[in-house]
């Protein structure tokens, strides 16, 4: 298993997937940008590229990863936390050596990205 999806996150994702077509899968990965060099990408995917993607089922959720992202996101936990201000997904990545105060930007051990100010 590449990542972990907590039960709270699973319930939130399933609710969101109920509004999507039946072939929707969760895509999780990274993209360049953000104040620390990399940021997370989380959304729904309908087209799978068998040459570039890995598909796995995690805690009952079909998840798609770009193969090149796996070393950077491996071991990551996706959770959903509710508080008085609302709720949102939180991501804990053991491969992140620097995280920005905004919570969505990071620098990984083996990937370029220069920490900056948020």
N, C-alpha and C. Protein backbone atom coordinates (compact mmCIF):
# COMPACT_ATOMS: atom_id res chain seq x y z
N UNK A 1 0.84 -1.17 0.00
CA UNK A 1 0.00 0.00 0.00
C UNK A 1 0.89 1.24 0.00
N UNK A 2 0.66 2.14 -0.93
CA UNK A 2 1.48 3.33 -1.06
C UNK A 2 1.17 4.34 0.04
N UNK A 3 -0.12 4.59 0.29
CA UNK A 3 -0.55 5.56 1.30
C UNK A 3 -1.59 4.93 2.22
N UNK A 4 -1.93 5.66 3.27
CA UNK A 4 -3.01 5.26 4.17
C UNK A 4 -4.11 6.31 4.09
N UNK A 5 -5.35 5.85 4.03
CA UNK A 5 -6.51 6.73 4.10
C UNK A 5 -7.25 6.36 5.37
N UNK A 6 -7.37 7.32 6.29
CA UNK A 6 -8.04 7.04 7.56
C UNK A 6 -9.54 6.83 7.31
N UNK A 7 -10.21 6.29 8.33
CA UNK A 7 -11.66 6.08 8.22
C UNK A 7 -12.40 7.41 8.04
N UNK A 8 -11.98 8.47 8.74
CA UNK A 8 -12.63 9.77 8.57
C UNK A 8 -12.48 10.28 7.13
N UNK A 9 -11.29 10.15 6.57
CA UNK A 9 -11.07 10.58 5.19
C UNK A 9 -11.86 9.71 4.22
N UNK A 10 -11.89 8.41 4.49
CA UNK A 10 -12.66 7.51 3.61
C UNK A 10 -14.12 7.92 3.55
N UNK A 11 -14.72 8.22 4.68
CA UNK A 11 -16.14 8.60 4.69
C UNK A 11 -16.36 9.89 3.91
N UNK A 12 -15.48 10.86 4.07
CA UNK A 12 -15.61 12.13 3.34
C UNK A 12 -15.43 11.91 1.83
N UNK A 13 -14.44 11.11 1.45
CA UNK A 13 -14.19 10.84 0.04
C UNK A 13 -15.37 10.10 -0.58
N UNK A 14 -15.91 9.11 0.14
CA UNK A 14 -17.07 8.36 -0.38
C UNK A 14 -18.26 9.29 -0.60
N UNK A 15 -18.48 10.22 0.32
CA UNK A 15 -19.57 11.19 0.14
C UNK A 15 -19.35 12.02 -1.12
N UNK A 16 -18.12 12.46 -1.33
CA UNK A 16 -17.81 13.26 -2.51
C UNK A 16 -17.91 12.42 -3.78
N UNK A 17 -17.50 11.16 -3.73
CA UNK A 17 -17.56 10.29 -4.89
C UNK A 17 -18.99 9.96 -5.29
N UNK A 18 -19.92 10.04 -4.35
CA UNK A 18 -21.32 9.74 -4.65
C UNK A 18 -21.88 10.72 -5.68
N UNK A 19 -21.28 11.91 -5.77
CA UNK A 19 -21.71 12.91 -6.75
C UNK A 19 -21.00 12.77 -8.09
N UNK A 20 -20.06 11.85 -8.19
CA UNK A 20 -19.28 11.64 -9.41
C UNK A 20 -19.82 10.44 -10.17
N UNK A 21 -19.32 10.24 -11.40
CA UNK A 21 -19.73 9.07 -12.18
C UNK A 21 -19.11 7.82 -11.57
N UNK A 22 -19.65 6.68 -11.93
CA UNK A 22 -19.25 5.42 -11.31
C UNK A 22 -17.80 5.02 -11.61
N UNK A 23 -17.19 5.60 -12.65
CA UNK A 23 -15.81 5.26 -12.97
C UNK A 23 -14.80 6.22 -12.33
N UNK A 24 -15.24 7.07 -11.41
CA UNK A 24 -14.34 8.01 -10.74
C UNK A 24 -13.42 7.28 -9.77
N UNK A 25 -12.18 7.72 -9.76
CA UNK A 25 -11.19 7.23 -8.80
C UNK A 25 -10.54 8.46 -8.18
N UNK A 26 -10.02 8.30 -7.00
CA UNK A 26 -9.29 9.39 -6.35
C UNK A 26 -7.89 9.42 -6.92
N UNK A 27 -7.41 10.59 -7.34
CA UNK A 27 -6.02 10.73 -7.76
C UNK A 27 -5.30 11.54 -6.69
N UNK A 28 -4.19 10.97 -6.20
CA UNK A 28 -3.36 11.66 -5.23
C UNK A 28 -1.94 11.71 -5.75
N UNK A 29 -1.32 12.88 -5.66
CA UNK A 29 0.04 13.01 -6.12
C UNK A 29 0.61 14.36 -5.73
N UNK A 30 1.64 14.76 -6.45
CA UNK A 30 2.29 16.03 -6.20
C UNK A 30 2.40 16.81 -7.49
N UNK A 31 2.61 18.10 -7.34
CA UNK A 31 2.87 18.96 -8.49
C UNK A 31 3.86 20.02 -8.04
N UNK A 32 4.58 20.58 -8.99
CA UNK A 32 5.51 21.65 -8.68
C UNK A 32 4.74 22.90 -8.30
N UNK A 33 5.30 23.65 -7.38
CA UNK A 33 4.68 24.91 -6.99
C UNK A 33 4.52 25.00 -5.49
N UNK A 34 3.96 26.09 -5.06
CA UNK A 34 3.82 26.33 -3.63
C UNK A 34 5.08 26.97 -3.10
N UNK A 35 5.00 27.51 -1.92
CA UNK A 35 6.12 28.26 -1.37
C UNK A 35 7.29 27.38 -0.93
N UNK A 36 7.09 26.08 -0.82
CA UNK A 36 8.20 25.19 -0.46
C UNK A 36 8.67 24.34 -1.63
N UNK A 37 8.10 24.53 -2.80
CA UNK A 37 8.59 23.85 -4.00
C UNK A 37 7.66 22.79 -4.56
N UNK A 38 6.93 22.08 -3.71
CA UNK A 38 6.00 21.05 -4.15
C UNK A 38 4.68 21.24 -3.42
N UNK A 39 3.60 20.80 -4.04
CA UNK A 39 2.31 20.81 -3.35
C UNK A 39 1.55 19.54 -3.72
N UNK A 40 0.59 19.21 -2.89
CA UNK A 40 -0.19 17.99 -3.09
C UNK A 40 -1.31 18.24 -4.10
N UNK A 41 -1.65 17.19 -4.79
CA UNK A 41 -2.76 17.22 -5.74
C UNK A 41 -3.74 16.12 -5.33
N UNK A 42 -4.99 16.48 -5.13
CA UNK A 42 -6.01 15.55 -4.69
C UNK A 42 -7.28 15.86 -5.46
N UNK A 43 -7.77 14.90 -6.22
CA UNK A 43 -8.97 15.12 -7.03
C UNK A 43 -9.46 13.81 -7.59
N UNK A 44 -10.43 13.91 -8.49
CA UNK A 44 -10.99 12.71 -9.10
C UNK A 44 -10.41 12.49 -10.49
N UNK A 45 -10.24 11.24 -10.85
CA UNK A 45 -9.67 10.84 -12.14
C UNK A 45 -10.62 9.87 -12.82
N UNK A 46 -10.75 10.04 -14.13
CA UNK A 46 -11.63 9.17 -14.92
C UNK A 46 -10.86 8.40 -15.98
N UNK A 47 -9.71 8.91 -16.39
CA UNK A 47 -8.90 8.28 -17.43
C UNK A 47 -7.58 7.81 -16.83
N UNK A 48 -7.33 6.52 -16.93
CA UNK A 48 -6.11 5.93 -16.38
C UNK A 48 -5.14 5.65 -17.52
N UNK A 49 -3.88 6.05 -17.34
CA UNK A 49 -2.83 5.76 -18.30
C UNK A 49 -2.02 4.60 -17.73
N UNK A 50 -2.21 3.41 -18.26
CA UNK A 50 -1.59 2.21 -17.71
C UNK A 50 -0.07 2.25 -17.78
N UNK A 51 0.49 3.11 -18.64
CA UNK A 51 1.94 3.21 -18.73
C UNK A 51 2.53 4.14 -17.67
N UNK A 52 1.74 5.08 -17.16
CA UNK A 52 2.25 6.08 -16.22
C UNK A 52 1.63 6.01 -14.83
N UNK A 53 0.53 5.27 -14.69
CA UNK A 53 -0.24 5.27 -13.46
C UNK A 53 -0.22 3.93 -12.75
N UNK A 54 -0.35 3.99 -11.44
CA UNK A 54 -0.59 2.82 -10.61
C UNK A 54 -1.95 3.01 -9.97
N UNK A 55 -2.77 1.95 -9.98
CA UNK A 55 -4.09 2.00 -9.35
C UNK A 55 -4.08 1.01 -8.20
N UNK A 56 -4.60 1.45 -7.05
CA UNK A 56 -4.65 0.60 -5.87
C UNK A 56 -5.98 0.88 -5.16
N UNK A 57 -6.46 -0.08 -4.40
CA UNK A 57 -7.63 0.17 -3.57
C UNK A 57 -7.16 0.27 -2.13
N UNK A 58 -7.46 1.41 -1.51
CA UNK A 58 -6.99 1.68 -0.16
C UNK A 58 -8.19 2.03 0.71
N UNK A 59 -8.43 1.21 1.70
CA UNK A 59 -9.54 1.40 2.63
C UNK A 59 -10.86 1.59 1.88
N UNK A 60 -11.04 0.79 0.83
CA UNK A 60 -12.28 0.82 0.06
C UNK A 60 -12.36 1.92 -0.97
N UNK A 61 -11.30 2.68 -1.17
CA UNK A 61 -11.28 3.78 -2.14
C UNK A 61 -10.33 3.42 -3.28
N UNK A 62 -10.79 3.46 -4.54
CA UNK A 62 -9.86 3.27 -5.66
C UNK A 62 -9.01 4.53 -5.83
N UNK A 63 -7.69 4.35 -5.78
CA UNK A 63 -6.77 5.49 -5.82
C UNK A 63 -5.79 5.32 -6.99
N UNK A 64 -5.52 6.42 -7.68
CA UNK A 64 -4.58 6.45 -8.80
C UNK A 64 -3.39 7.32 -8.42
N UNK A 65 -2.19 6.84 -8.76
CA UNK A 65 -0.96 7.59 -8.52
C UNK A 65 -0.17 7.65 -9.81
N UNK A 66 0.50 8.78 -10.07
CA UNK A 66 1.51 8.81 -11.11
C UNK A 66 2.69 8.01 -10.56
N UNK A 67 3.22 7.08 -11.35
CA UNK A 67 4.32 6.24 -10.89
C UNK A 67 5.49 7.07 -10.36
N UNK A 68 5.79 8.20 -11.02
CA UNK A 68 6.94 9.02 -10.62
C UNK A 68 6.74 9.69 -9.25
N UNK A 69 5.50 9.81 -8.78
CA UNK A 69 5.22 10.43 -7.48
C UNK A 69 5.35 9.47 -6.30
N UNK A 70 5.30 8.18 -6.57
CA UNK A 70 5.24 7.19 -5.48
C UNK A 70 6.40 7.31 -4.50
N UNK A 71 7.65 7.47 -4.93
CA UNK A 71 8.73 7.56 -3.93
C UNK A 71 8.58 8.76 -2.98
N UNK A 72 7.92 9.81 -3.43
CA UNK A 72 7.79 11.02 -2.62
C UNK A 72 6.57 10.95 -1.69
N UNK A 73 5.54 10.22 -2.10
CA UNK A 73 4.32 10.16 -1.27
C UNK A 73 4.18 8.86 -0.49
N UNK A 74 5.08 7.92 -0.73
CA UNK A 74 4.98 6.62 -0.05
C UNK A 74 5.00 6.80 1.47
N UNK A 75 4.05 6.16 2.15
CA UNK A 75 3.95 6.25 3.60
C UNK A 75 3.08 7.39 4.09
N UNK A 76 2.54 8.18 3.17
CA UNK A 76 1.70 9.33 3.52
C UNK A 76 0.35 8.87 4.07
N UNK A 77 -0.17 9.62 5.02
CA UNK A 77 -1.50 9.38 5.57
C UNK A 77 -2.40 10.56 5.23
N UNK A 78 -3.56 10.26 4.66
CA UNK A 78 -4.57 11.28 4.39
C UNK A 78 -5.67 11.12 5.43
N UNK A 79 -5.97 12.21 6.12
CA UNK A 79 -7.00 12.21 7.15
C UNK A 79 -7.98 13.35 6.85
N UNK A 80 -9.13 13.31 7.47
CA UNK A 80 -10.10 14.40 7.38
C UNK A 80 -10.41 14.82 8.81
N UNK A 81 -10.21 16.10 9.08
CA UNK A 81 -10.41 16.61 10.44
C UNK A 81 -11.50 17.67 10.42
N UNK A 82 -12.38 17.56 11.39
CA UNK A 82 -13.48 18.51 11.55
C UNK A 82 -13.19 19.37 12.77
N UNK A 83 -13.41 20.69 12.64
CA UNK A 83 -13.28 21.57 13.79
C UNK A 83 -14.35 22.64 13.72
N UNK A 84 -14.31 23.59 14.60
CA UNK A 84 -15.36 24.61 14.66
C UNK A 84 -15.38 25.52 13.43
N UNK A 85 -14.28 25.56 12.71
CA UNK A 85 -14.18 26.40 11.51
C UNK A 85 -14.56 25.61 10.25
N UNK A 86 -14.92 24.37 10.40
CA UNK A 86 -15.26 23.52 9.26
C UNK A 86 -14.38 22.29 9.26
N UNK A 87 -14.20 21.72 8.10
CA UNK A 87 -13.38 20.52 8.00
C UNK A 87 -12.47 20.58 6.80
N UNK A 88 -11.51 19.69 6.78
CA UNK A 88 -10.61 19.63 5.65
C UNK A 88 -9.69 18.43 5.74
N UNK A 89 -9.09 18.10 4.62
CA UNK A 89 -8.14 17.00 4.57
C UNK A 89 -6.80 17.46 5.13
N UNK A 90 -6.15 16.57 5.85
CA UNK A 90 -4.79 16.83 6.30
C UNK A 90 -3.91 15.71 5.77
N UNK A 91 -2.68 16.07 5.45
CA UNK A 91 -1.76 15.12 4.84
C UNK A 91 -0.49 15.08 5.67
N UNK A 92 -0.14 13.88 6.11
CA UNK A 92 1.09 13.65 6.88
C UNK A 92 2.02 12.83 6.00
N UNK A 93 3.12 13.44 5.57
CA UNK A 93 4.05 12.79 4.65
C UNK A 93 5.41 12.63 5.34
N UNK A 94 5.84 11.38 5.59
CA UNK A 94 7.14 11.17 6.24
C UNK A 94 8.32 11.56 5.37
N UNK A 95 8.09 11.79 4.08
CA UNK A 95 9.16 12.17 3.16
C UNK A 95 9.32 13.68 3.04
N UNK A 96 8.47 14.45 3.70
CA UNK A 96 8.57 15.91 3.66
C UNK A 96 9.57 16.35 4.71
N UNK A 97 10.59 17.10 4.27
CA UNK A 97 11.59 17.59 5.22
C UNK A 97 11.31 19.03 5.62
N UNK A 98 10.54 19.74 4.81
CA UNK A 98 10.14 21.11 5.12
C UNK A 98 8.69 21.25 4.69
N UNK A 99 7.86 21.77 5.58
CA UNK A 99 6.47 22.04 5.24
C UNK A 99 6.20 23.51 5.48
N UNK A 100 5.35 24.06 4.66
CA UNK A 100 4.99 25.46 4.77
C UNK A 100 3.87 25.62 5.79
N UNK A 101 3.74 26.79 6.34
CA UNK A 101 2.69 27.07 7.30
C UNK A 101 1.30 26.92 6.73
N UNK A 102 1.17 27.02 5.41
CA UNK A 102 -0.15 26.88 4.78
C UNK A 102 -0.62 25.43 4.80
N UNK A 103 0.30 24.48 4.99
CA UNK A 103 -0.06 23.08 5.10
C UNK A 103 -0.19 22.34 3.80
N UNK A 104 -0.07 23.02 2.67
CA UNK A 104 -0.22 22.31 1.40
C UNK A 104 1.04 22.33 0.55
N UNK A 105 2.10 22.91 1.03
CA UNK A 105 3.34 22.99 0.28
C UNK A 105 4.45 22.35 1.11
N UNK A 106 5.38 21.67 0.43
CA UNK A 106 6.44 20.97 1.15
C UNK A 106 7.65 20.77 0.26
N UNK A 107 8.74 20.37 0.86
CA UNK A 107 9.96 19.98 0.16
C UNK A 107 10.25 18.55 0.59
N UNK A 108 10.53 17.69 -0.38
CA UNK A 108 10.80 16.28 -0.10
C UNK A 108 12.30 16.02 -0.03
N UNK A 109 12.67 14.92 0.61
CA UNK A 109 14.07 14.55 0.79
C UNK A 109 14.83 14.49 -0.53
N UNK A 110 14.25 13.84 -1.53
CA UNK A 110 14.96 13.58 -2.77
C UNK A 110 14.42 14.38 -3.94
N UNK A 111 13.87 15.55 -3.67
CA UNK A 111 13.25 16.32 -4.76
C UNK A 111 13.60 17.79 -4.58
N UNK A 112 13.79 18.48 -5.68
CA UNK A 112 14.09 19.91 -5.59
C UNK A 112 12.89 20.67 -5.07
N UNK A 113 13.17 21.79 -4.54
CA UNK A 113 12.15 22.68 -4.01
C UNK A 113 12.79 23.54 -2.96
N UNK A 114 12.72 24.82 -3.12
CA UNK A 114 13.38 25.72 -2.21
C UNK A 114 12.36 26.32 -1.25
N UNK A 115 12.55 26.11 0.05
CA UNK A 115 11.61 26.69 1.00
C UNK A 115 11.57 28.20 0.87
N UNK A 116 10.41 28.75 1.01
CA UNK A 116 10.26 30.19 0.94
C UNK A 116 9.25 30.64 1.97
N UNK A 117 8.92 31.89 1.92
CA UNK A 117 7.93 32.43 2.85
C UNK A 117 6.53 32.24 2.28
N UNK A 118 5.58 31.97 3.16
CA UNK A 118 4.19 31.84 2.75
C UNK A 118 3.54 33.19 2.74
